[in-house]
Protein backbone atom coordinates (compact mmCIF):
# COMPACT_ATOMS: atom_id res chain seq x y z
CA MET A 1 -13.88 43.48 -50.79
CA PHE A 2 -14.45 44.31 -54.36
CA LEU A 3 -13.92 40.88 -55.72
CA PRO A 4 -17.55 39.45 -55.29
CA LEU A 5 -18.97 42.58 -56.98
CA LEU A 6 -16.49 42.43 -59.82
CA GLU A 7 -17.14 38.71 -60.36
CA TYR A 8 -20.89 39.46 -60.48
CA LEU A 9 -20.34 42.29 -63.08
CA ALA A 10 -18.00 40.03 -65.09
CA GLU A 11 -20.92 37.63 -65.67
CA SER A 12 -22.94 40.42 -67.41
CA TYR A 13 -20.32 42.78 -68.77
CA GLY A 14 -17.39 41.47 -70.74
CA PRO A 15 -14.77 44.13 -69.87
CA PHE A 16 -15.14 43.23 -66.13
CA ARG A 17 -13.79 39.65 -66.87
CA VAL A 18 -10.29 41.18 -66.67
CA PHE A 19 -10.67 41.21 -62.93
CA ASN A 20 -10.74 37.32 -63.00
CA TYR A 21 -7.04 37.37 -63.78
CA PHE A 22 -4.73 37.24 -60.75
CA THR A 23 -2.10 39.26 -62.51
CA PHE A 24 -4.49 42.16 -63.20
CA ARG A 25 -5.61 42.20 -59.55
CA ALA A 26 -1.98 42.02 -58.57
CA ILE A 27 -1.13 45.12 -60.58
CA LEU A 28 -4.13 46.97 -58.97
CA SER A 29 -2.93 45.86 -55.59
CA THR A 30 0.59 47.17 -56.24
CA LEU A 31 -0.76 50.57 -57.53
CA THR A 32 -3.27 50.87 -54.66
CA ALA A 33 -0.64 50.30 -52.00
CA LEU A 34 1.80 52.63 -53.82
CA ILE A 35 -0.69 55.46 -54.19
CA PHE A 36 -1.87 54.90 -50.55
CA CYS A 37 1.73 55.38 -49.24
CA LEU A 38 2.47 58.35 -51.46
CA LEU A 39 -0.80 60.09 -50.63
CA PHE A 40 -0.68 59.68 -46.87
CA GLY A 41 3.10 59.50 -46.33
CA LYS A 42 3.63 63.24 -45.90
CA TYR A 43 0.74 63.54 -43.48
CA PHE A 44 1.84 60.51 -41.46
CA ILE A 45 5.34 61.89 -41.16
CA SER A 46 3.88 65.19 -39.85
CA TYR A 47 1.79 63.45 -37.35
CA ILE A 48 4.78 61.39 -36.13
CA GLU A 49 6.73 64.58 -35.74
CA ARG A 50 3.99 66.30 -33.77
CA LYS A 51 3.94 63.32 -31.43
CA ASN A 52 7.76 63.55 -31.06
CA PHE A 53 8.19 59.94 -32.09
CA GLY A 54 11.81 60.43 -33.08
CA GLN A 55 14.41 57.67 -33.60
CA VAL A 56 16.50 56.84 -30.48
CA ILE A 57 20.19 56.23 -31.49
CA ARG A 58 22.23 53.56 -29.67
CA GLU A 59 25.19 55.16 -27.83
CA PHE A 60 27.59 52.54 -29.00
CA GLY A 61 26.59 52.73 -32.62
CA PRO A 62 28.61 54.47 -35.47
CA GLU A 63 29.07 58.22 -34.67
CA LYS A 64 27.55 59.23 -37.94
CA HIS A 65 24.28 57.74 -36.84
CA LEU A 66 23.93 60.52 -34.21
CA GLU A 67 22.86 62.78 -37.12
CA LYS A 68 19.75 60.56 -37.48
CA LYS A 69 18.63 61.18 -33.95
CA GLY A 70 15.04 62.52 -33.84
CA THR A 71 14.14 61.30 -37.37
CA PRO A 72 10.47 60.18 -37.27
CA THR A 73 10.11 56.43 -36.79
CA MET A 74 7.33 53.80 -36.78
CA GLY A 75 6.81 54.29 -40.43
CA GLY A 76 5.97 50.68 -40.69
CA ILE A 77 2.44 51.60 -39.70
CA LEU A 78 2.18 53.30 -43.08
CA ILE A 79 3.46 50.16 -44.77
CA LEU A 80 1.07 47.86 -42.98
CA ALA A 81 -1.92 50.05 -43.53
CA SER A 82 -1.14 50.22 -47.24
CA VAL A 83 -0.70 46.49 -47.55
CA ILE A 84 -3.78 45.45 -45.55
CA PHE A 85 -6.00 48.08 -47.32
CA SER A 86 -4.82 46.88 -50.74
CA CYS A 87 -5.18 43.22 -49.92
CA VAL A 88 -8.74 43.71 -48.58
CA CYS A 89 -9.75 45.64 -51.76
CA TRP A 90 -8.39 43.20 -54.32
CA GLY A 91 -7.77 39.88 -52.59
CA ASP A 92 -10.06 36.86 -52.32
CA LEU A 93 -11.20 37.13 -48.67
CA GLY A 94 -12.22 33.47 -48.72
CA ASN A 95 -8.57 32.39 -49.23
CA LYS A 96 -6.91 30.95 -46.08
CA PHE A 97 -3.46 31.74 -47.29
CA LEU A 98 -4.30 35.36 -47.68
CA TRP A 99 -5.58 35.66 -44.17
CA SER A 100 -2.65 33.70 -42.78
CA ILE A 101 -0.21 36.32 -44.03
CA ILE A 102 -2.42 39.18 -42.97
CA PHE A 103 -2.53 37.66 -39.48
CA LEU A 104 1.30 37.51 -39.42
CA ILE A 105 1.60 41.13 -40.71
CA ILE A 106 -0.78 42.45 -37.98
CA SER A 107 0.46 40.38 -35.05
CA PHE A 108 4.22 40.89 -35.74
CA GLY A 109 3.39 44.57 -36.52
CA ALA A 110 1.66 44.90 -33.20
CA LEU A 111 4.69 43.41 -31.42
CA GLY A 112 7.01 45.74 -33.27
CA PHE A 113 4.74 48.65 -32.39
CA LEU A 114 4.95 47.81 -28.66
CA ASP A 115 8.78 47.51 -28.94
CA ASP A 116 9.07 50.79 -30.72
CA TYR A 117 6.72 52.61 -28.23
CA LEU A 118 8.70 51.33 -25.24
CA LYS A 119 11.90 52.65 -26.78
CA LEU A 120 10.35 56.12 -27.42
CA SER A 121 8.63 56.28 -23.98
CA ARG A 122 11.86 55.33 -22.20
CA ASN A 123 14.01 57.51 -24.54
CA SER A 124 16.20 54.47 -24.94
CA SER A 125 17.26 51.94 -27.55
CA ASP A 126 16.03 49.17 -25.18
CA GLY A 127 12.48 48.05 -25.83
CA LEU A 128 11.09 44.66 -25.24
CA SER A 129 13.66 42.14 -23.95
CA GLY A 130 14.97 39.61 -26.48
CA LYS A 131 13.28 36.71 -24.66
CA LYS A 132 9.83 38.45 -24.49
CA LYS A 133 10.10 39.39 -28.19
CA LEU A 134 11.07 35.87 -29.16
CA PHE A 135 8.27 34.33 -27.09
CA TRP A 136 5.59 36.43 -28.77
CA GLN A 137 7.09 35.84 -32.24
CA THR A 138 7.10 32.14 -31.67
CA LEU A 139 3.44 32.17 -30.39
CA PHE A 140 2.21 34.20 -33.34
CA ALA A 141 4.05 32.02 -35.80
CA SER A 142 2.78 28.86 -34.08
CA ILE A 143 -0.82 29.94 -34.47
CA ILE A 144 -0.52 30.20 -38.20
CA VAL A 145 1.72 27.22 -38.77
CA ILE A 146 -0.49 24.96 -36.74
CA PHE A 147 -3.57 26.31 -38.64
CA ILE A 148 -1.90 25.49 -41.94
CA TYR A 149 -0.75 22.12 -40.79
CA SER A 150 -4.30 21.17 -39.44
CA THR A 151 -5.96 22.29 -42.67
CA TYR A 152 -3.64 21.09 -45.35
CA SER A 153 -5.37 19.16 -48.15
CA ILE A 154 -2.56 17.65 -50.17
CA PRO A 155 0.85 16.23 -49.06
CA GLU A 156 2.77 18.78 -51.02
CA GLU A 157 1.70 21.43 -48.59
CA ILE A 158 3.93 20.01 -45.89
CA THR A 159 6.71 18.62 -48.07
CA LEU A 160 10.21 19.97 -48.23
CA PHE A 161 11.58 20.67 -51.81
CA LEU A 162 15.17 21.60 -52.65
CA PRO A 163 16.40 23.59 -55.64
CA PHE A 164 18.60 21.75 -58.15
CA PHE A 165 17.17 18.40 -57.10
CA LYS A 166 14.12 17.66 -59.29
CA ASP A 167 13.12 14.45 -57.56
CA PHE A 168 13.79 15.51 -53.98
CA ALA A 169 10.53 15.60 -51.93
CA LEU A 170 10.60 14.96 -48.17
CA ASN A 171 7.24 14.81 -46.38
CA LEU A 172 8.06 16.58 -43.09
CA GLY A 173 4.98 15.49 -41.12
CA ILE A 174 4.89 17.12 -37.76
CA PHE A 175 8.40 18.52 -38.31
CA PHE A 176 6.72 20.89 -40.72
CA VAL A 177 5.53 22.82 -37.69
CA PHE A 178 8.94 23.22 -36.16
CA LEU A 179 10.70 24.19 -39.38
CA SER A 180 7.99 26.68 -40.39
CA ILE A 181 8.14 28.53 -37.01
CA PHE A 182 11.87 28.75 -37.35
CA ILE A 183 11.59 30.16 -40.79
CA ILE A 184 8.98 32.73 -39.94
CA VAL A 185 10.64 33.91 -36.73
CA GLY A 186 14.11 33.92 -38.21
CA THR A 187 13.15 35.89 -41.29
CA SER A 188 11.33 38.38 -39.19
CA ASN A 189 14.48 38.98 -37.05
CA ALA A 190 16.75 38.92 -40.08
CA VAL A 191 14.93 41.77 -41.68
CA ASN A 192 14.92 43.60 -38.43
CA LEU A 193 18.72 43.23 -38.15
CA THR A 194 19.11 44.49 -41.69
CA ASP A 195 17.07 47.69 -41.07
CA GLY A 196 20.01 49.85 -39.92
CA LEU A 197 20.60 52.12 -42.84
CA ASP A 198 18.21 54.34 -44.92
CA GLY A 199 16.37 52.13 -47.39
CA LEU A 200 18.66 49.11 -46.66
CA ALA A 201 15.83 46.73 -45.55
CA ILE A 202 12.88 47.87 -47.62
CA MET A 203 14.21 47.49 -51.10
CA PRO A 204 15.54 43.84 -50.61
CA SER A 205 12.22 43.11 -49.08
CA VAL A 206 10.47 44.42 -52.16
CA MET A 207 12.71 42.40 -54.46
CA VAL A 208 12.15 39.21 -52.43
CA ALA A 209 8.44 39.89 -52.45
CA GLY A 210 8.58 40.18 -56.25
CA GLY A 211 10.44 36.81 -56.49
CA LEU A 212 7.98 35.13 -54.17
CA GLY A 213 5.11 36.59 -56.17
CA ILE A 214 6.32 34.95 -59.35
CA ILE A 215 6.69 31.66 -57.58
CA ALA A 216 3.16 32.05 -56.13
CA TYR A 217 1.74 32.60 -59.57
CA MET A 218 3.59 29.53 -60.89
CA SER A 219 2.72 27.30 -58.04
CA GLY A 220 -0.99 28.14 -58.22
CA ASN A 221 -1.11 27.47 -62.02
CA ILE A 222 -1.15 23.74 -62.88
CA ILE A 223 0.29 24.38 -66.36
CA PHE A 224 3.33 26.36 -65.11
CA ALA A 225 3.82 24.06 -62.18
CA GLU A 226 3.93 20.91 -64.33
CA TYR A 227 6.21 22.69 -66.86
CA LEU A 228 8.68 23.82 -64.13
CA ASN A 229 8.33 20.54 -62.26
CA ILE A 230 7.30 22.24 -59.02
CA ALA A 231 4.50 21.37 -56.66
CA TYR A 232 1.01 22.51 -57.72
CA LEU A 233 -0.45 24.24 -54.65
CA PRO A 234 -4.01 25.42 -55.36
CA GLY A 235 -4.86 28.77 -53.75
CA THR A 236 -1.31 29.99 -53.44
CA GLU A 237 -1.77 32.15 -56.42
CA GLU A 238 -3.70 34.56 -54.21
CA LEU A 239 -0.38 35.37 -52.49
CA LEU A 240 0.43 37.26 -55.60
CA ILE A 241 -1.96 40.00 -54.39
CA ILE A 242 -0.07 40.34 -51.13
CA CYS A 243 3.31 40.37 -52.94
CA GLY A 244 1.96 43.12 -55.20
CA ALA A 245 0.79 45.13 -52.08
CA LEU A 246 4.20 44.62 -50.46
CA ILE A 247 6.01 45.85 -53.62
CA GLY A 248 3.70 48.95 -54.03
CA ALA A 249 3.86 49.81 -50.31
CA GLY A 250 7.64 49.22 -50.19
CA ILE A 251 8.35 51.46 -53.13
CA GLY A 252 5.93 54.15 -51.72
CA PHE A 253 7.75 54.05 -48.42
CA LEU A 254 11.10 54.18 -50.08
CA TRP A 255 10.08 57.57 -51.50
CA PHE A 256 10.36 58.88 -47.93
CA ASN A 257 12.90 56.40 -46.51
CA THR A 258 15.58 56.82 -49.13
CA TYR A 259 18.85 58.43 -48.01
CA PRO A 260 18.66 60.86 -46.20
CA ALA A 261 15.63 59.26 -44.66
CA GLN A 262 12.55 61.40 -43.76
CA ILE A 263 11.22 58.56 -41.67
CA PHE A 264 12.29 55.02 -40.49
CA MET A 265 10.10 51.92 -40.58
CA GLY A 266 10.90 50.83 -37.00
CA ASP A 267 10.31 47.41 -35.61
CA VAL A 268 6.69 47.70 -36.51
CA GLY A 269 7.66 47.50 -40.17
CA SER A 270 10.76 45.31 -40.16
CA LEU A 271 9.30 42.49 -37.99
CA SER A 272 6.05 42.38 -39.90
CA LEU A 273 7.78 42.43 -43.33
CA GLY A 274 10.11 39.57 -42.32
CA ALA A 275 7.17 37.54 -40.97
CA ALA A 276 5.22 38.06 -44.26
CA LEU A 277 8.16 36.90 -46.43
CA GLY A 278 8.81 33.96 -44.14
CA GLY A 279 5.19 33.01 -44.07
CA MET A 280 4.80 33.05 -47.87
CA ALA A 281 7.96 30.98 -48.30
CA VAL A 282 6.47 28.40 -45.94
CA ILE A 283 3.15 28.28 -47.74
CA LEU A 284 4.89 28.09 -51.12
CA ARG A 285 7.20 25.37 -49.77
CA GLN A 286 10.24 27.40 -50.85
CA GLU A 287 12.23 27.85 -47.72
CA VAL A 288 15.59 27.25 -49.33
CA ILE A 289 14.75 29.63 -52.17
CA LEU A 290 13.93 32.27 -49.60
CA ALA A 291 17.35 31.87 -48.06
CA ILE A 292 18.88 32.42 -51.52
CA MET A 293 16.76 35.38 -52.41
CA GLY A 294 17.20 36.93 -48.93
CA GLY A 295 20.91 36.29 -48.90
CA VAL A 296 21.54 39.85 -47.59
CA PHE A 297 19.28 39.08 -44.63
CA VAL A 298 21.08 35.79 -44.07
CA MET A 299 24.48 37.58 -44.24
CA GLU A 300 23.40 40.21 -41.73
CA THR A 301 22.15 37.61 -39.32
CA LEU A 302 25.22 35.36 -39.62
CA SER A 303 27.49 38.37 -39.07
CA VAL A 304 25.86 38.98 -35.63
CA ILE A 305 25.98 35.30 -34.70
CA ILE A 306 29.64 35.11 -35.70
CA GLN A 307 30.49 38.33 -33.85
CA VAL A 308 28.81 37.31 -30.68
CA GLY A 309 30.12 33.68 -30.80
CA SER A 310 33.66 34.81 -31.46
CA PHE A 311 33.67 37.36 -28.68
CA LYS A 312 32.26 34.89 -26.16
CA LEU A 313 34.74 32.11 -27.13
CA THR A 314 37.88 34.11 -27.78
CA GLY A 315 37.31 37.58 -26.51
CA LYS A 316 37.93 38.88 -30.01
CA ARG A 317 35.60 40.41 -32.63
CA VAL A 318 35.64 39.23 -36.30
CA PHE A 319 34.05 42.47 -37.56
CA LYS A 320 34.48 46.12 -36.53
CA MET A 321 30.77 46.07 -35.66
CA SER A 322 27.82 43.90 -36.42
CA PRO A 323 25.51 43.60 -38.28
CA ILE A 324 27.84 43.70 -41.17
CA HIS A 325 26.63 46.89 -42.69
CA HIS A 326 28.07 48.76 -39.73
CA HIS A 327 31.38 47.00 -40.42
CA PHE A 328 31.44 48.54 -43.91
CA GLU A 329 30.49 51.90 -42.45
CA LEU A 330 33.45 51.87 -40.06
CA SER A 331 35.64 50.70 -42.99
CA GLY A 332 35.02 54.03 -44.68
CA TRP A 333 32.16 53.10 -47.10
CA ALA A 334 29.67 55.83 -47.61
CA GLU A 335 26.15 54.89 -46.53
CA PRO A 336 24.54 55.26 -49.99
CA LYS A 337 27.26 52.96 -51.46
CA ILE A 338 26.52 50.23 -48.85
CA ILE A 339 22.82 50.47 -49.47
CA VAL A 340 22.95 50.35 -53.28
CA ARG A 341 25.50 47.50 -53.23
CA PHE A 342 23.21 45.45 -50.98
CA TRP A 343 20.39 46.15 -53.26
CA ILE A 344 22.41 44.95 -56.24
CA ILE A 345 23.46 41.75 -54.36
CA THR A 346 19.74 41.08 -53.57
CA LEU A 347 18.68 41.61 -57.20
CA ILE A 348 21.35 39.10 -58.33
CA LEU A 349 20.36 36.61 -55.75
CA VAL A 350 16.60 36.87 -56.62
CA LEU A 351 17.48 36.20 -60.28
CA ILE A 352 19.70 33.26 -59.38
CA ALA A 353 16.90 31.85 -57.19
CA LEU A 354 14.37 32.08 -59.95
CA ALA A 355 16.81 30.58 -62.40
CA THR A 356 16.98 27.31 -60.32
CA PHE A 357 13.53 26.50 -61.47
CA ARG A 358 14.89 25.73 -64.85
CA LEU A 359 17.96 23.93 -63.55
CA ARG A 360 16.15 20.87 -62.16
């Protein structure tokens, strides 16, 4: 929104040229989303409380979670509003990658909103059925993936790259579509599964967004791309603006979501955050790197798959409860300890993932 005006001013007034730098706009995007969240967070929580949109707790969950019953939910609306407002203010609105991620955020957010609303209106932990949710997730992801596939300009945009293997480059062709849909939908659900404790999902999402932001900057800069021997993908540097907005909004939301939480993000937040992270990884051609950075999300998802599979095959459970953060709760770990340790694990994994760019 501001970019055309700023570019015009930059031609006549030297100081405005600073807005030509992606990094400067990314900083402004981060600060804008952060301030937006902090300014409106308190009022949003009060509004949710007046509407009696309180969290519904599963009957078969950990007993300690009964204390969270009635805590305002659907805080993801605040995150989404902050991110979109910031991106529109500081992003290049002519960039297809920017709009692709915004579409994923809005569409998956709307799906999450419907799921949350059904739970609240029914006063039950059951919202949309798993099949219906998966159908709409697949549809929304397909729209963007097919758009990217039909408009790609260089082969690298649909090529699979692997960390540690400098010369590995597999042109996926039409299989790009299927892999990308799986990544976006899978990441969306993985973040959703992780969102079970105060601040557990938001901080890893912020860290992964930070890591992807660094990759976006490097991939969109031909000098860095050649130096690090990664694919040069023109236009992807604009994703840095989205990553900045996600970081700012995430930290701003954490102010209210940290233990003990004043508000939960709900599915409207977790589904859209996961879709955004998955979508950016697809655009940057860093699906494997996303799996490394988001190792906590992968671990949470695998724990559910293992638990369900084991129970169906043998009638026995591997964990006390899944996702795995509930297993640690029932093992006697305090909630803040689980949260912070998962944060630490994510930080380490993000650093390891970034380090692979110099190990090729």
